PDB file of N, CA and C in Angstrom:
ATOM      1  N   UNK A   1      -2.234 -13.751  -8.193  1.00  0.00           N
ATOM      2  CA  UNK A   1      -3.442 -13.946  -7.484  1.00  0.00           C
ATOM      3  C   UNK A   1      -4.570 -13.237  -8.293  1.00  0.00           C
ATOM      4  N   UNK A   2      -5.767 -13.271  -7.719  1.00  0.00           N
ATOM      5  CA  UNK A   2      -6.895 -12.722  -8.335  1.00  0.00           C
ATOM      6  C   UNK A   2      -6.831 -11.169  -8.349  1.00  0.00           C
ATOM      7  N   UNK A   3      -7.438 -10.557  -9.281  1.00  0.00           N
ATOM      8  CA  UNK A   3      -7.573  -9.058  -9.322  1.00  0.00           C
ATOM      9  C   UNK A   3      -8.597  -8.565  -8.256  1.00  0.00           C
ATOM     10  N   UNK A   4      -8.263  -7.585  -7.511  1.00  0.00           N
ATOM     11  CA  UNK A   4      -9.206  -7.033  -6.497  1.00  0.00           C
ATOM     12  C   UNK A   4      -9.884  -5.868  -7.056  1.00  0.00           C
ATOM     13  N   UNK A   5     -11.245  -5.968  -7.243  1.00  0.00           N
ATOM     14  CA  UNK A   5     -12.053  -4.867  -7.690  1.00  0.00           C
ATOM     15  C   UNK A   5     -13.078  -4.506  -6.721  1.00  0.00           C
ATOM     16  N   UNK A   6     -13.581  -3.267  -6.851  1.00  0.00           N
ATOM     17  CA  UNK A   6     -14.641  -2.850  -5.965  1.00  0.00           C
ATOM     18  C   UNK A   6     -15.541  -1.911  -6.852  1.00  0.00           C
ATOM     19  N   UNK A   7     -16.766  -1.642  -6.389  1.00  0.00           N
ATOM     20  CA  UNK A   7     -17.641  -0.719  -6.986  1.00  0.00           C
ATOM     21  C   UNK A   7     -17.074   0.670  -6.863  1.00  0.00           C
ATOM     22  N   UNK A   8     -17.077   1.405  -8.014  1.00  0.00           N
ATOM     23  CA  UNK A   8     -16.575   2.790  -7.925  1.00  0.00           C
ATOM     24  C   UNK A   8     -17.770   3.679  -7.571  1.00  0.00           C
ATOM     25  N   UNK A   9     -17.527   4.736  -6.755  1.00  0.00           N
ATOM     26  CA  UNK A   9     -18.511   5.531  -6.178  1.00  0.00           C
ATOM     27  C   UNK A   9     -19.314   6.211  -7.290  1.00  0.00           C
ATOM     28  N   UNK A  10     -18.807   6.489  -8.468  1.00  0.00           N
ATOM     29  CA  UNK A  10     -19.539   7.103  -9.588  1.00  0.00           C
ATOM     30  C   UNK A  10     -20.074   6.184 -10.570  1.00  0.00           C
ATOM     31  N   UNK A  11     -20.008   4.852 -10.229  1.00  0.00           N
ATOM     32  CA  UNK A  11     -20.424   3.781 -11.198  1.00  0.00           C
ATOM     33  C   UNK A  11     -19.294   3.040 -11.795  1.00  0.00           C
ATOM     34  N   UNK A  12     -19.602   1.842 -12.244  1.00  0.00           N
ATOM     35  CA  UNK A  12     -18.545   0.974 -12.697  1.00  0.00           C
ATOM     36  C   UNK A  12     -17.676   0.343 -11.695  1.00  0.00           C
ATOM     37  N   UNK A  13     -16.550  -0.059 -12.018  1.00  0.00           N
ATOM     38  CA  UNK A  13     -15.591  -0.668 -11.039  1.00  0.00           C
ATOM     39  C   UNK A  13     -14.198  -0.042 -11.130  1.00  0.00           C
ATOM     40  N   UNK A  14     -13.424  -0.215 -10.087  1.00  0.00           N
ATOM     41  CA  UNK A  14     -11.986   0.027 -10.116  1.00  0.00           C
ATOM     42  C   UNK A  14     -11.223  -1.009  -9.515  1.00  0.00           C
ATOM     43  N   UNK A  15      -9.970  -1.052  -9.881  1.00  0.00           N
ATOM     44  CA  UNK A  15      -8.964  -2.056  -9.358  1.00  0.00           C
ATOM     45  C   UNK A  15      -8.334  -1.455  -8.114  1.00  0.00           C
ATOM     46  N   UNK A  16      -8.142  -2.236  -6.985  1.00  0.00           N
ATOM     47  CA  UNK A  16      -7.487  -1.727  -5.837  1.00  0.00           C
ATOM     48  C   UNK A  16      -6.701  -2.793  -5.251  1.00  0.00           C
ATOM     49  N   UNK A  17      -5.988  -2.399  -4.097  1.00  0.00           N
ATOM     50  CA  UNK A  17      -5.114  -3.273  -3.356  1.00  0.00           C
ATOM     51  C   UNK A  17      -4.053  -3.968  -4.088  1.00  0.00           C
ATOM     52  N   UNK A  18      -3.403  -3.168  -4.973  1.00  0.00           N
ATOM     53  CA  UNK A  18      -2.336  -3.725  -5.777  1.00  0.00           C
ATOM     54  C   UNK A  18      -1.076  -3.623  -4.967  1.00  0.00           C
ATOM     55  N   UNK A  19      -0.408  -4.807  -4.814  1.00  0.00           N
ATOM     56  CA  UNK A  19       0.809  -4.829  -4.035  1.00  0.00           C
ATOM     57  C   UNK A  19       2.104  -4.779  -4.910  1.00  0.00           C
ATOM     58  N   UNK A  20       3.237  -4.543  -4.312  1.00  0.00           N
ATOM     59  CA  UNK A  20       4.500  -4.548  -5.088  1.00  0.00           C
ATOM     60  C   UNK A  20       4.625  -5.905  -5.815  1.00  0.00           C
ATOM     61  N   UNK A  21       5.031  -5.766  -7.059  1.00  0.00           N
ATOM     62  CA  UNK A  21       5.226  -6.930  -7.858  1.00  0.00           C
ATOM     63  C   UNK A  21       4.004  -7.438  -8.561  1.00  0.00           C
ATOM     64  N   UNK A  22       2.800  -6.960  -8.165  1.00  0.00           N
ATOM     65  CA  UNK A  22       1.607  -7.468  -8.875  1.00  0.00           C
ATOM     66  C   UNK A  22       1.508  -6.663 -10.226  1.00  0.00           C
ATOM     67  N   UNK A  23       0.747  -7.211 -11.152  1.00  0.00           N
ATOM     68  CA  UNK A  23       0.643  -6.501 -12.457  1.00  0.00           C
ATOM     69  C   UNK A  23      -0.738  -6.879 -13.059  1.00  0.00           C
ATOM     70  N   UNK A  24      -1.163  -5.966 -13.986  1.00  0.00           N
ATOM     71  CA  UNK A  24      -2.394  -6.251 -14.760  1.00  0.00           C
ATOM     72  C   UNK A  24      -1.974  -6.262 -16.260  1.00  0.00           C
ATOM     73  N   UNK A  25      -2.730  -7.036 -17.010  1.00  0.00           N
ATOM     74  CA  UNK A  25      -2.430  -7.138 -18.394  1.00  0.00           C
ATOM     75  C   UNK A  25      -3.681  -6.759 -19.155  1.00  0.00           C
ATOM     76  N   UNK A  26      -3.390  -5.805 -20.148  1.00  0.00           N
ATOM     77  CA  UNK A  26      -4.485  -5.302 -21.025  1.00  0.00           C
ATOM     78  C   UNK A  26      -3.962  -5.515 -22.451  1.00  0.00           C
ATOM     79  N   UNK A  27      -5.022  -5.747 -23.373  1.00  0.00           N
ATOM     80  CA  UNK A  27      -4.636  -5.795 -24.763  1.00  0.00           C
ATOM     81  C   UNK A  27      -5.209  -4.511 -25.430  1.00  0.00           C
ATOM     82  N   UNK A  28      -4.373  -3.862 -26.183  1.00  0.00           N
ATOM     83  CA  UNK A  28      -4.739  -2.633 -26.801  1.00  0.00           C
ATOM     84  C   UNK A  28      -4.429  -2.727 -28.286  1.00  0.00           C
ATOM     85  N   UNK A  29      -5.404  -2.488 -29.178  1.00  0.00           N
ATOM     86  CA  UNK A  29      -5.136  -2.429 -30.573  1.00  0.00           C
ATOM     87  C   UNK A  29      -4.655  -1.037 -30.978  1.00  0.00           C
ATOM     88  N   UNK A  30      -3.485  -0.985 -31.417  1.00  0.00           N
ATOM     89  CA  UNK A  30      -2.841   0.336 -31.856  1.00  0.00           C
ATOM     90  C   UNK A  30      -2.878   0.348 -33.389  1.00  0.00           C
ATOM     91  N   UNK A  31      -3.476   1.360 -33.978  1.00  0.00           N
ATOM     92  CA  UNK A  31      -3.648   1.390 -35.452  1.00  0.00           C
ATOM     93  C   UNK A  31      -2.382   1.594 -36.219  1.00  0.00           C
ATOM     94  N   UNK A  32      -1.369   2.232 -35.529  1.00  0.00           N
ATOM     95  CA  UNK A  32      -0.095   2.568 -36.301  1.00  0.00           C
ATOM     96  C   UNK A  32       0.981   2.850 -35.239  1.00  0.00           C
ATOM     97  N   UNK A  33       2.225   2.608 -35.674  1.00  0.00           N
ATOM     98  CA  UNK A  33       3.353   2.999 -34.835  1.00  0.00           C
ATOM     99  C   UNK A  33       3.380   4.493 -34.788  1.00  0.00           C
ATOM    100  N   UNK A  34       3.360   5.123 -33.606  1.00  0.00           N
ATOM    101  CA  UNK A  34       3.258   6.534 -33.421  1.00  0.00           C
ATOM    102  C   UNK A  34       3.502   6.878 -31.977  1.00  0.00           C
ATOM    103  N   UNK A  35       3.377   8.163 -31.639  1.00  0.00           N
ATOM    104  CA  UNK A  35       3.497   8.542 -30.270  1.00  0.00           C
ATOM    105  C   UNK A  35       2.101   8.769 -29.801  1.00  0.00           C
ATOM    106  N   UNK A  36       1.722   8.248 -28.598  1.00  0.00           N
ATOM    107  CA  UNK A  36       0.406   8.402 -28.035  1.00  0.00           C
ATOM    108  C   UNK A  36       0.443   8.892 -26.594  1.00  0.00           C
ATOM    109  N   UNK A  37      -0.567   9.558 -26.135  1.00  0.00           N
ATOM    110  CA  UNK A  37      -0.735   9.948 -24.838  1.00  0.00           C
ATOM    111  C   UNK A  37      -1.641   8.961 -24.140  1.00  0.00           C
ATOM    112  N   UNK A  38      -1.222   8.350 -23.056  1.00  0.00           N
ATOM    113  CA  UNK A  38      -2.027   7.468 -22.329  1.00  0.00           C
ATOM    114  C   UNK A  38      -2.442   8.150 -20.989  1.00  0.00           C
ATOM    115  N   UNK A  39      -3.700   8.181 -20.653  1.00  0.00           N
ATOM    116  CA  UNK A  39      -4.147   8.765 -19.493  1.00  0.00           C
ATOM    117  C   UNK A  39      -4.713   7.776 -18.501  1.00  0.00           C
ATOM    118  N   UNK A  40      -4.075   7.761 -17.356  1.00  0.00           N
ATOM    119  CA  UNK A  40      -4.440   6.808 -16.289  1.00  0.00           C
ATOM    120  C   UNK A  40      -5.292   7.492 -15.264  1.00  0.00           C
ATOM    121  N   UNK A  41      -6.315   6.943 -14.805  1.00  0.00           N
ATOM    122  CA  UNK A  41      -7.174   7.473 -13.786  1.00  0.00           C
ATOM    123  C   UNK A  41      -6.740   6.793 -12.436  1.00  0.00           C
ATOM    124  N   UNK A  42      -6.292   7.560 -11.478  1.00  0.00           N
ATOM    125  CA  UNK A  42      -5.739   7.076 -10.241  1.00  0.00           C
ATOM    126  C   UNK A  42      -6.352   7.770  -9.081  1.00  0.00           C
ATOM    127  N   UNK A  43      -6.256   7.110  -7.890  1.00  0.00           N
ATOM    128  CA  UNK A  43      -6.746   7.665  -6.645  1.00  0.00           C
ATOM    129  C   UNK A  43      -5.811   7.097  -5.535  1.00  0.00           C
ATOM    130  N   UNK A  44      -5.456   7.906  -4.550  1.00  0.00           N
ATOM    131  CA  UNK A  44      -4.687   7.480  -3.430  1.00  0.00           C
ATOM    132  C   UNK A  44      -4.792   8.565  -2.232  1.00  0.00           C
ATOM    133  N   UNK A  45      -5.175   8.099  -1.095  1.00  0.00           N
ATOM    134  CA  UNK A  45      -5.270   9.060  -0.010  1.00  0.00           C
ATOM    135  C   UNK A  45      -4.049   9.786   0.271  1.00  0.00           C
ATOM    136  N   UNK A  46      -2.914   9.080   0.248  1.00  0.00           N
ATOM    137  CA  UNK A  46      -1.654   9.584   0.648  1.00  0.00           C
ATOM    138  C   UNK A  46      -0.574   9.735  -0.393  1.00  0.00           C
ATOM    139  N   UNK A  47      -0.823   9.140  -1.614  1.00  0.00           N
ATOM    140  CA  UNK A  47       0.116   9.228  -2.720  1.00  0.00           C
ATOM    141  C   UNK A  47       1.361   8.241  -2.300  1.00  0.00           C
ATOM    142  N   UNK A  48       2.407   8.395  -3.052  1.00  0.00           N
ATOM    143  CA  UNK A  48       3.598   7.664  -2.801  1.00  0.00           C
ATOM    144  C   UNK A  48       3.696   6.381  -3.590  1.00  0.00           C
ATOM    145  N   UNK A  49       2.687   5.912  -4.249  1.00  0.00           N
ATOM    146  CA  UNK A  49       2.776   4.663  -5.096  1.00  0.00           C
ATOM    147  C   UNK A  49       3.245   5.043  -6.470  1.00  0.00           C
ATOM    148  N   UNK A  50       3.602   4.015  -7.177  1.00  0.00           N
ATOM    149  CA  UNK A  50       4.079   4.282  -8.619  1.00  0.00           C
ATOM    150  C   UNK A  50       3.606   3.113  -9.445  1.00  0.00           C
ATOM    151  N   UNK A  51       3.699   3.237 -10.760  1.00  0.00           N
ATOM    152  CA  UNK A  51       3.442   2.221 -11.721  1.00  0.00           C
ATOM    153  C   UNK A  51       4.255   2.424 -12.959  1.00  0.00           C
ATOM    154  N   UNK A  52       4.218   1.482 -13.925  1.00  0.00           N
ATOM    155  CA  UNK A  52       4.863   1.719 -15.119  1.00  0.00           C
ATOM    156  C   UNK A  52       4.077   0.942 -16.182  1.00  0.00           C
ATOM    157  N   UNK A  53       4.269   1.306 -17.464  1.00  0.00           N
ATOM    158  CA  UNK A  53       3.706   0.628 -18.586  1.00  0.00           C
ATOM    159  C   UNK A  53       4.744  -0.104 -19.335  1.00  0.00           C
ATOM    160  N   UNK A  54       4.393  -1.298 -19.806  1.00  0.00           N
ATOM    161  CA  UNK A  54       5.320  -2.089 -20.596  1.00  0.00           C
ATOM    162  C   UNK A  54       4.593  -2.941 -21.757  1.00  0.00           C
ATOM    163  N   UNK A  55       5.185  -3.193 -22.702  1.00  0.00           N
ATOM    164  CA  UNK A  55       4.730  -4.070 -23.824  1.00  0.00           C
ATOM    165  C   UNK A  55       5.507  -5.432 -23.605  1.00  0.00           C
ATOM    166  N   UNK A  56       4.760  -6.376 -22.947  1.00  0.00           N
ATOM    167  CA  UNK A  56       5.482  -7.633 -22.563  1.00  0.00           C
ATOM    168  C   UNK A  56       6.567  -7.214 -21.524  1.00  0.00           C
ATOM    169  N   UNK A  57       7.821  -7.583 -21.824  1.00  0.00           N
ATOM    170  CA  UNK A  57       8.903  -7.303 -20.858  1.00  0.00           C
ATOM    171  C   UNK A  57       9.614  -5.976 -21.277  1.00  0.00           C
ATOM    172  N   UNK A  58       9.129  -5.343 -22.273  1.00  0.00           N
ATOM    173  CA  UNK A  58       9.799  -4.064 -22.791  1.00  0.00           C
ATOM    174  C   UNK A  58       9.094  -2.860 -22.070  1.00  0.00           C
ATOM    175  N   UNK A  59       9.868  -2.176 -21.162  1.00  0.00           N
ATOM    176  CA  UNK A  59       9.308  -0.988 -20.572  1.00  0.00           C
ATOM    177  C   UNK A  59       8.963   0.073 -21.573  1.00  0.00           C
ATOM    178  N   UNK A  60       7.771   0.667 -21.485  1.00  0.00           N
ATOM    179  CA  UNK A  60       7.289   1.802 -22.273  1.00  0.00           C
ATOM    180  C   UNK A  60       7.481   3.160 -21.556  1.00  0.00           C
ATOM    181  N   UNK A  61       7.529   3.088 -20.262  1.00  0.00           N
ATOM    182  CA  UNK A  61       7.734   4.332 -19.438  1.00  0.00           C
ATOM    183  C   UNK A  61       8.615   3.980 -18.293  1.00  0.00           C
ATOM    184  N   UNK A  62       9.135   5.148 -17.733  1.00  0.00           N
ATOM    185  CA  UNK A  62       9.845   4.998 -16.451  1.00  0.00           C
ATOM    186  C   UNK A  62       8.778   4.946 -15.389  1.00  0.00           C
ATOM    187  N   UNK A  63       9.136   5.020 -14.135  1.00  0.00           N
ATOM    188  CA  UNK A  63       8.183   4.946 -13.027  1.00  0.00           C
ATOM    189  C   UNK A  63       7.288   6.232 -13.132  1.00  0.00           C
ATOM    190  N   UNK A  64       5.945   5.946 -12.964  1.00  0.00           N
ATOM    191  CA  UNK A  64       4.981   6.988 -13.004  1.00  0.00           C
ATOM    192  C   UNK A  64       4.472   7.107 -11.532  1.00  0.00           C
ATOM    193  N   UNK A  65       4.578   8.377 -10.996  1.00  0.00           N
ATOM    194  CA  UNK A  65       4.107   8.550  -9.602  1.00  0.00           C
ATOM    195  C   UNK A  65       2.636   8.721  -9.479  1.00  0.00           C
ATOM    196  N   UNK A  66       1.996   8.033  -8.463  1.00  0.00           N
ATOM    197  CA  UNK A  66       0.665   8.259  -8.150  1.00  0.00           C
ATOM    198  C   UNK A  66       0.562   9.366  -7.090  1.00  0.00           C
ATOM    199  N   UNK A  67      -0.091  10.461  -7.476  1.00  0.00           N
ATOM    200  CA  UNK A  67      -0.153  11.606  -6.480  1.00  0.00           C
ATOM    201  C   UNK A  67      -1.113  11.406  -5.420  1.00  0.00           C
ATOM    202  N   UNK A  68      -1.014  12.212  -4.386  1.00  0.00           N
ATOM    203  CA  UNK A  68      -2.027  12.251  -3.247  1.00  0.00           C
ATOM    204  C   UNK A  68      -3.292  12.856  -3.851  1.00  0.00           C
ATOM    205  N   UNK A  69      -4.405  12.104  -3.788  1.00  0.00           N
ATOM    206  CA  UNK A  69      -5.647  12.617  -4.183  1.00  0.00           C
ATOM    207  C   UNK A  69      -6.641  12.945  -3.019  1.00  0.00           C
ATOM    208  N   UNK A  70      -6.320  12.384  -1.815  1.00  0.00           N
ATOM    209  CA  UNK A  70      -7.189  12.661  -0.707  1.00  0.00           C
ATOM    210  C   UNK A  70      -8.105  11.577  -0.328  1.00  0.00           C
ATOM    211  N   UNK A  71      -8.259  10.569  -1.133  1.00  0.00           N
ATOM    212  CA  UNK A  71      -9.141   9.499  -0.854  1.00  0.00           C
ATOM    213  C   UNK A  71      -9.105   8.376  -1.973  1.00  0.00           C
ATOM    214  N   UNK A  72      -9.625   7.217  -1.652  1.00  0.00           N
ATOM    215  CA  UNK A  72      -9.535   6.112  -2.565  1.00  0.00           C
ATOM    216  C   UNK A  72     -10.576   6.267  -3.655  1.00  0.00           C
ATOM    217  N   UNK A  73     -11.644   7.160  -3.558  1.00  0.00           N
ATOM    218  CA  UNK A  73     -12.540   7.446  -4.520  1.00  0.00           C
ATOM    219  C   UNK A  73     -12.390   8.878  -4.997  1.00  0.00           C
ATOM    220  N   UNK A  74     -11.342   9.564  -4.758  1.00  0.00           N
ATOM    221  CA  UNK A  74     -11.071  10.924  -5.213  1.00  0.00           C
ATOM    222  C   UNK A  74     -10.116  10.808  -6.442  1.00  0.00           C
ATOM    223  N   UNK A  75     -10.585  10.848  -7.655  1.00  0.00           N
ATOM    224  CA  UNK A  75      -9.864  10.489  -8.818  1.00  0.00           C
ATOM    225  C   UNK A  75      -9.175  11.680  -9.434  1.00  0.00           C
ATOM    226  N   UNK A  76      -8.030  11.379  -9.982  1.00  0.00           N
ATOM    227  CA  UNK A  76      -7.268  12.396 -10.871  1.00  0.00           C
ATOM    228  C   UNK A  76      -6.710  11.657 -12.086  1.00  0.00           C
ATOM    229  N   UNK A  77      -6.460  12.347 -13.115  1.00  0.00           N
ATOM    230  CA  UNK A  77      -5.836  11.783 -14.268  1.00  0.00           C
ATOM    231  C   UNK A  77      -4.248  12.089 -14.301  1.00  0.00           C
ATOM    232  N   UNK A  78      -3.530  11.115 -14.676  1.00  0.00           N
ATOM    233  CA  UNK A  78      -2.102  11.174 -14.892  1.00  0.00           C
ATOM    234  C   UNK A  78      -1.856  10.791 -16.318  1.00  0.00           C
ATOM    235  N   UNK A  79      -1.271  11.732 -17.113  1.00  0.00           N
ATOM    236  CA  UNK A  79      -0.991  11.367 -18.547  1.00  0.00           C
ATOM    237  C   UNK A  79       0.465  11.213 -18.772  1.00  0.00           C
ATOM    238  N   UNK A  80       0.856  10.286 -19.688  1.00  0.00           N
ATOM    239  CA  UNK A  80       2.201   9.923 -20.053  1.00  0.00           C
ATOM    240  C   UNK A  80       2.262   9.718 -21.528  1.00  0.00           C
ATOM    241  N   UNK A  81       3.427  10.158 -22.069  1.00  0.00           N
ATOM    242  CA  UNK A  81       3.599   9.922 -23.592  1.00  0.00           C
ATOM    243  C   UNK A  81       4.313   8.616 -23.801  1.00  0.00           C
ATOM    244  N   UNK A  82       3.850   7.806 -24.718  1.00  0.00           N
ATOM    245  CA  UNK A  82       4.377   6.517 -25.100  1.00  0.00           C
ATOM    246  C   UNK A  82       4.645   6.469 -26.521  1.00  0.00           C
ATOM    247  N   UNK A  83       5.797   6.043 -27.000  1.00  0.00           N
ATOM    248  CA  UNK A  83       6.068   5.883 -28.453  1.00  0.00           C
ATOM    249  C   UNK A  83       6.554   4.399 -28.746  1.00  0.00           C
TER     250      UNK A  83
END
């Protein structure tokens, strides 16, 4: 289905209302095979959600927990190492 976006309180937009089994696709130009730190900006009033990163069907991470941040516009960064 379509991606659900809304205006972000600090400007720009954020993606929300992601249900189980839904996914987003991004294209990233990686200059060389290496180990990278990926920083994800997340918000959740109650936490409990999770996500993972993949290259096509190949998982790059295990499940990444989305922590409780206190609100849908209360952002925090979650970093993960990808090789």
